[in-house]
N, C-alpha and C. Protein backbone atom coordinates (compact mmCIF):
# COMPACT_ATOMS: atom_id res chain seq x y z
N MET A 1 13.02 -13.50 -22.41
CA MET A 1 12.79 -12.47 -21.41
C MET A 1 11.84 -13.03 -20.34
N THR A 2 12.24 -12.89 -19.09
CA THR A 2 11.39 -13.38 -18.01
C THR A 2 10.35 -12.33 -17.65
N THR A 3 9.38 -12.74 -16.86
CA THR A 3 8.33 -11.81 -16.44
C THR A 3 8.92 -10.64 -15.68
N ASN A 4 9.88 -10.89 -14.79
CA ASN A 4 10.49 -9.81 -14.03
C ASN A 4 11.21 -8.83 -14.94
N ASP A 5 11.92 -9.35 -15.95
CA ASP A 5 12.59 -8.47 -16.91
C ASP A 5 11.57 -7.61 -17.63
N SER A 6 10.45 -8.20 -17.99
CA SER A 6 9.41 -7.48 -18.71
C SER A 6 8.82 -6.37 -17.84
N LYS A 7 8.53 -6.67 -16.59
CA LYS A 7 7.99 -5.66 -15.68
C LYS A 7 9.01 -4.55 -15.44
N LYS A 8 10.27 -4.93 -15.30
CA LYS A 8 11.32 -3.95 -15.06
C LYS A 8 11.48 -3.04 -16.28
N SER A 9 11.48 -3.62 -17.47
CA SER A 9 11.57 -2.82 -18.69
C SER A 9 10.39 -1.89 -18.83
N ARG A 10 9.20 -2.39 -18.50
CA ARG A 10 8.01 -1.56 -18.57
C ARG A 10 8.11 -0.39 -17.59
N THR A 11 8.58 -0.67 -16.39
CA THR A 11 8.72 0.39 -15.39
C THR A 11 9.75 1.42 -15.84
N GLU A 12 10.85 0.98 -16.43
CA GLU A 12 11.85 1.92 -16.95
C GLU A 12 11.22 2.83 -18.01
N PHE A 13 10.46 2.23 -18.91
CA PHE A 13 9.78 2.99 -19.98
C PHE A 13 8.80 4.00 -19.37
N LEU A 14 8.01 3.57 -18.40
CA LEU A 14 7.05 4.46 -17.76
C LEU A 14 7.74 5.62 -17.04
N VAL A 15 8.85 5.34 -16.39
CA VAL A 15 9.59 6.40 -15.69
C VAL A 15 10.13 7.41 -16.70
N LEU A 16 10.71 6.93 -17.79
CA LEU A 16 11.22 7.84 -18.82
C LEU A 16 10.08 8.67 -19.41
N LEU A 17 8.94 8.03 -19.65
CA LEU A 17 7.77 8.77 -20.15
C LEU A 17 7.35 9.85 -19.17
N ALA A 18 7.29 9.52 -17.90
CA ALA A 18 6.90 10.50 -16.88
C ALA A 18 7.87 11.67 -16.85
N LEU A 19 9.15 11.38 -16.87
CA LEU A 19 10.16 12.44 -16.79
C LEU A 19 10.24 13.28 -18.07
N SER A 20 9.66 12.79 -19.16
CA SER A 20 9.62 13.60 -20.38
C SER A 20 8.71 14.81 -20.19
N HIS A 21 7.89 14.79 -19.13
CA HIS A 21 7.01 15.92 -18.81
C HIS A 21 7.66 16.93 -17.90
N GLY A 22 8.85 16.60 -17.38
CA GLY A 22 9.56 17.53 -16.51
C GLY A 22 10.14 16.81 -15.30
N ALA A 23 10.97 17.51 -14.56
CA ALA A 23 11.64 16.95 -13.39
C ALA A 23 10.63 16.63 -12.30
N MET A 24 10.86 15.52 -11.61
CA MET A 24 9.97 15.07 -10.53
C MET A 24 10.78 14.28 -9.52
N HIS A 25 10.27 14.21 -8.29
CA HIS A 25 10.88 13.29 -7.33
C HIS A 25 10.10 11.98 -7.38
N GLY A 26 10.62 10.97 -6.71
CA GLY A 26 10.07 9.62 -6.83
C GLY A 26 8.57 9.53 -6.60
N TYR A 27 8.10 10.12 -5.52
CA TYR A 27 6.67 10.07 -5.20
C TYR A 27 5.86 10.69 -6.33
N GLU A 28 6.33 11.82 -6.85
CA GLU A 28 5.62 12.49 -7.95
C GLU A 28 5.57 11.60 -9.19
N ILE A 29 6.67 10.89 -9.48
CA ILE A 29 6.72 10.00 -10.64
C ILE A 29 5.64 8.93 -10.51
N ALA A 30 5.60 8.27 -9.35
CA ALA A 30 4.62 7.20 -9.13
C ALA A 30 3.19 7.73 -9.25
N LYS A 31 2.91 8.88 -8.65
CA LYS A 31 1.57 9.46 -8.69
C LYS A 31 1.22 9.92 -10.11
N PHE A 32 2.19 10.47 -10.84
CA PHE A 32 1.97 10.92 -12.20
C PHE A 32 1.57 9.74 -13.09
N ILE A 33 2.31 8.65 -12.99
CA ILE A 33 2.03 7.46 -13.81
C ILE A 33 0.64 6.92 -13.49
N ASP A 34 0.33 6.84 -12.21
CA ASP A 34 -0.99 6.34 -11.79
C ASP A 34 -2.10 7.25 -12.31
N ALA A 35 -1.93 8.56 -12.15
CA ALA A 35 -2.98 9.52 -12.55
C ALA A 35 -3.15 9.56 -14.06
N LYS A 36 -2.05 9.66 -14.80
CA LYS A 36 -2.14 9.78 -16.26
C LYS A 36 -2.69 8.51 -16.91
N SER A 37 -2.39 7.35 -16.30
CA SER A 37 -2.89 6.10 -16.86
C SER A 37 -4.25 5.73 -16.28
N LYS A 38 -4.83 6.65 -15.48
CA LYS A 38 -6.13 6.43 -14.83
C LYS A 38 -6.13 5.13 -14.03
N GLY A 39 -5.00 4.88 -13.34
CA GLY A 39 -4.87 3.72 -12.48
C GLY A 39 -4.46 2.44 -13.17
N PHE A 40 -4.28 2.47 -14.48
CA PHE A 40 -3.91 1.24 -15.20
C PHE A 40 -2.52 0.77 -14.78
N PHE A 41 -1.58 1.73 -14.66
CA PHE A 41 -0.22 1.40 -14.22
C PHE A 41 -0.03 1.88 -12.79
N ASN A 42 0.44 0.98 -11.96
CA ASN A 42 0.76 1.30 -10.58
C ASN A 42 2.20 0.88 -10.35
N VAL A 43 3.04 1.83 -10.00
CA VAL A 43 4.46 1.53 -9.79
C VAL A 43 4.73 1.60 -8.29
N PRO A 44 4.86 0.45 -7.62
CA PRO A 44 5.17 0.45 -6.19
C PRO A 44 6.55 1.04 -5.93
N PHE A 45 6.69 1.72 -4.80
CA PHE A 45 7.97 2.36 -4.48
C PHE A 45 9.11 1.34 -4.41
N GLY A 46 8.81 0.11 -3.99
CA GLY A 46 9.84 -0.93 -3.93
C GLY A 46 10.38 -1.28 -5.30
N SER A 47 9.60 -1.04 -6.35
CA SER A 47 10.05 -1.27 -7.72
C SER A 47 10.63 0.00 -8.33
N LEU A 48 10.09 1.15 -7.91
CA LEU A 48 10.47 2.41 -8.53
C LEU A 48 11.91 2.82 -8.22
N TYR A 49 12.30 2.77 -6.97
CA TYR A 49 13.61 3.30 -6.60
C TYR A 49 14.79 2.50 -7.17
N PRO A 50 14.72 1.17 -7.25
CA PRO A 50 15.80 0.46 -7.94
C PRO A 50 15.89 0.83 -9.43
N VAL A 51 14.74 1.06 -10.06
CA VAL A 51 14.73 1.47 -11.47
C VAL A 51 15.33 2.86 -11.62
N LEU A 52 14.97 3.79 -10.73
CA LEU A 52 15.56 5.14 -10.78
C LEU A 52 17.07 5.06 -10.62
N HIS A 53 17.53 4.24 -9.69
CA HIS A 53 18.97 4.08 -9.48
C HIS A 53 19.65 3.53 -10.74
N LYS A 54 19.05 2.53 -11.36
CA LYS A 54 19.61 1.93 -12.57
C LYS A 54 19.66 2.96 -13.71
N LEU A 55 18.57 3.70 -13.90
CA LEU A 55 18.53 4.71 -14.96
C LEU A 55 19.54 5.82 -14.72
N GLU A 56 19.74 6.17 -13.44
CA GLU A 56 20.74 7.19 -13.11
C GLU A 56 22.15 6.69 -13.40
N LEU A 57 22.45 5.45 -13.04
CA LEU A 57 23.77 4.88 -13.33
C LEU A 57 24.03 4.79 -14.83
N ALA A 58 22.97 4.52 -15.60
CA ALA A 58 23.09 4.43 -17.06
C ALA A 58 23.10 5.81 -17.72
N LYS A 59 22.96 6.86 -16.90
CA LYS A 59 22.97 8.25 -17.37
C LYS A 59 21.78 8.57 -18.29
N LEU A 60 20.70 7.81 -18.11
CA LEU A 60 19.47 8.10 -18.85
C LEU A 60 18.66 9.18 -18.13
N ILE A 61 18.91 9.31 -16.84
CA ILE A 61 18.29 10.38 -16.06
C ILE A 61 19.37 11.03 -15.20
N GLY A 62 19.11 12.27 -14.83
CA GLY A 62 19.97 12.97 -13.89
C GLY A 62 19.21 13.14 -12.60
N ALA A 63 19.94 13.47 -11.53
CA ALA A 63 19.29 13.67 -10.24
C ALA A 63 20.02 14.74 -9.46
N LYS A 64 19.26 15.46 -8.65
CA LYS A 64 19.89 16.42 -7.74
C LYS A 64 19.04 16.51 -6.49
N TRP A 65 19.72 16.82 -5.40
CA TRP A 65 19.04 16.98 -4.12
C TRP A 65 18.56 18.42 -4.01
N GLU A 66 17.32 18.58 -3.56
CA GLU A 66 16.74 19.91 -3.39
C GLU A 66 16.17 20.03 -1.99
N GLU A 67 16.30 21.22 -1.44
CA GLU A 67 15.70 21.48 -0.14
C GLU A 67 14.20 21.61 -0.28
N ALA A 68 13.51 21.08 0.71
CA ALA A 68 12.06 21.22 0.79
C ALA A 68 11.73 21.57 2.22
N ASP A 69 10.89 22.53 2.44
CA ASP A 69 10.51 22.96 3.77
C ASP A 69 11.71 23.47 4.57
N GLY A 70 12.71 23.99 3.91
CA GLY A 70 13.86 24.57 4.58
C GLY A 70 14.90 23.60 5.10
N THR A 71 14.52 22.39 5.47
CA THR A 71 15.49 21.46 6.05
C THR A 71 15.54 20.11 5.35
N LYS A 72 14.38 19.58 5.02
CA LYS A 72 14.33 18.25 4.41
C LYS A 72 14.78 18.34 2.95
N ALA A 73 15.51 17.34 2.52
CA ALA A 73 15.96 17.30 1.13
C ALA A 73 15.25 16.17 0.40
N LYS A 74 14.96 16.40 -0.87
CA LYS A 74 14.39 15.35 -1.70
C LYS A 74 15.17 15.29 -3.00
N LYS A 75 15.25 14.12 -3.55
CA LYS A 75 15.98 13.91 -4.79
C LYS A 75 15.02 14.07 -5.96
N THR A 76 15.37 14.97 -6.86
CA THR A 76 14.55 15.23 -8.03
C THR A 76 15.26 14.67 -9.25
N TYR A 77 14.52 14.01 -10.10
CA TYR A 77 15.06 13.34 -11.29
C TYR A 77 14.63 14.09 -12.54
N ASN A 78 15.49 14.07 -13.54
CA ASN A 78 15.16 14.68 -14.83
C ASN A 78 15.70 13.79 -15.96
N LEU A 79 15.08 13.90 -17.10
CA LEU A 79 15.47 13.13 -18.27
C LEU A 79 16.71 13.76 -18.89
N SER A 80 17.74 12.96 -19.13
CA SER A 80 18.96 13.46 -19.78
C SER A 80 18.80 13.39 -21.29
N ALA A 81 19.74 13.97 -22.01
CA ALA A 81 19.71 13.90 -23.48
C ALA A 81 19.79 12.44 -23.94
N LYS A 82 20.63 11.67 -23.27
CA LYS A 82 20.75 10.24 -23.59
C LYS A 82 19.44 9.52 -23.29
N GLY A 83 18.78 9.91 -22.22
CA GLY A 83 17.49 9.33 -21.86
C GLY A 83 16.41 9.67 -22.87
N ARG A 84 16.46 10.90 -23.38
CA ARG A 84 15.49 11.33 -24.41
C ARG A 84 15.65 10.48 -25.66
N LYS A 85 16.89 10.24 -26.08
CA LYS A 85 17.13 9.40 -27.26
C LYS A 85 16.63 7.97 -27.02
N ALA A 86 16.91 7.44 -25.82
CA ALA A 86 16.45 6.09 -25.50
C ALA A 86 14.93 6.02 -25.47
N LEU A 87 14.30 7.05 -24.92
CA LEU A 87 12.83 7.09 -24.88
C LEU A 87 12.25 7.17 -26.28
N ASP A 88 12.81 8.02 -27.12
CA ASP A 88 12.33 8.14 -28.50
C ASP A 88 12.40 6.80 -29.22
N ALA A 89 13.51 6.08 -29.05
CA ALA A 89 13.66 4.77 -29.68
C ALA A 89 12.64 3.78 -29.12
N GLU A 90 12.41 3.85 -27.83
CA GLU A 90 11.44 2.95 -27.18
C GLU A 90 10.03 3.23 -27.68
N VAL A 91 9.69 4.49 -27.86
CA VAL A 91 8.36 4.87 -28.36
C VAL A 91 8.17 4.35 -29.79
N VAL A 92 9.18 4.48 -30.62
CA VAL A 92 9.10 3.96 -31.99
C VAL A 92 8.86 2.45 -31.96
N GLY A 93 9.60 1.74 -31.12
CA GLY A 93 9.42 0.30 -31.00
C GLY A 93 8.04 -0.07 -30.49
N PHE A 94 7.55 0.69 -29.51
CA PHE A 94 6.22 0.43 -28.95
C PHE A 94 5.14 0.64 -30.00
N ARG A 95 5.25 1.73 -30.75
CA ARG A 95 4.24 2.00 -31.78
C ARG A 95 4.27 0.94 -32.88
N SER A 96 5.44 0.46 -33.26
CA SER A 96 5.55 -0.62 -34.25
C SER A 96 4.90 -1.89 -33.72
N TYR A 97 5.15 -2.18 -32.46
CA TYR A 97 4.56 -3.35 -31.81
C TYR A 97 3.03 -3.25 -31.82
N ALA A 98 2.51 -2.08 -31.44
CA ALA A 98 1.06 -1.88 -31.40
C ALA A 98 0.44 -2.03 -32.80
N LYS A 99 1.12 -1.51 -33.83
CA LYS A 99 0.62 -1.64 -35.21
C LYS A 99 0.58 -3.10 -35.63
N ALA A 100 1.63 -3.85 -35.29
CA ALA A 100 1.69 -5.27 -35.66
C ALA A 100 0.59 -6.06 -34.97
N ILE A 101 0.34 -5.77 -33.70
CA ILE A 101 -0.76 -6.43 -32.98
C ILE A 101 -2.09 -6.09 -33.63
N ASP A 102 -2.26 -4.82 -33.98
CA ASP A 102 -3.51 -4.38 -34.62
C ASP A 102 -3.75 -5.14 -35.93
N LEU A 103 -2.69 -5.41 -36.68
CA LEU A 103 -2.82 -6.15 -37.93
C LEU A 103 -3.28 -7.58 -37.70
N LEU A 104 -2.96 -8.13 -36.56
CA LEU A 104 -3.31 -9.52 -36.25
C LEU A 104 -4.73 -9.68 -35.70
N LEU A 105 -5.31 -8.58 -35.25
CA LEU A 105 -6.66 -8.65 -34.69
C LEU A 105 -7.70 -8.86 -35.78
N PRO A 106 -8.70 -9.69 -35.50
CA PRO A 106 -9.77 -9.85 -36.48
C PRO A 106 -10.61 -8.57 -36.58
N GLU A 107 -11.31 -8.41 -37.68
CA GLU A 107 -12.17 -7.23 -37.89
C GLU A 107 -13.17 -7.13 -36.74
N GLY A 108 -13.43 -5.92 -36.30
CA GLY A 108 -14.43 -5.67 -35.29
C GLY A 108 -13.97 -5.86 -33.85
N VAL A 109 -12.72 -6.20 -33.66
CA VAL A 109 -12.22 -6.38 -32.28
C VAL A 109 -11.52 -5.12 -31.84
């Protein structure tokens, strides 16, 4: 796995995690991730929108256009049932990974 693949996979995971809290548009997703992680994760819009497009094509998320301010439209994304299953599997894998790392750490670290 290359560094770009790793960052892309991480961004996909973060987006699915964000959408597990409810439907959001792209800007809200980026701000949610930044706020909830207390700035640890920053998802630039140039990285976010290709990931949203990929997740939508894979049917892990759904999207719909909504009117805002009467005329402007924004695309709102939501987690699909398939996306929920993928997220649940990813969380299990992440927790297993974290446990394994914890086992490798010396006492007191």
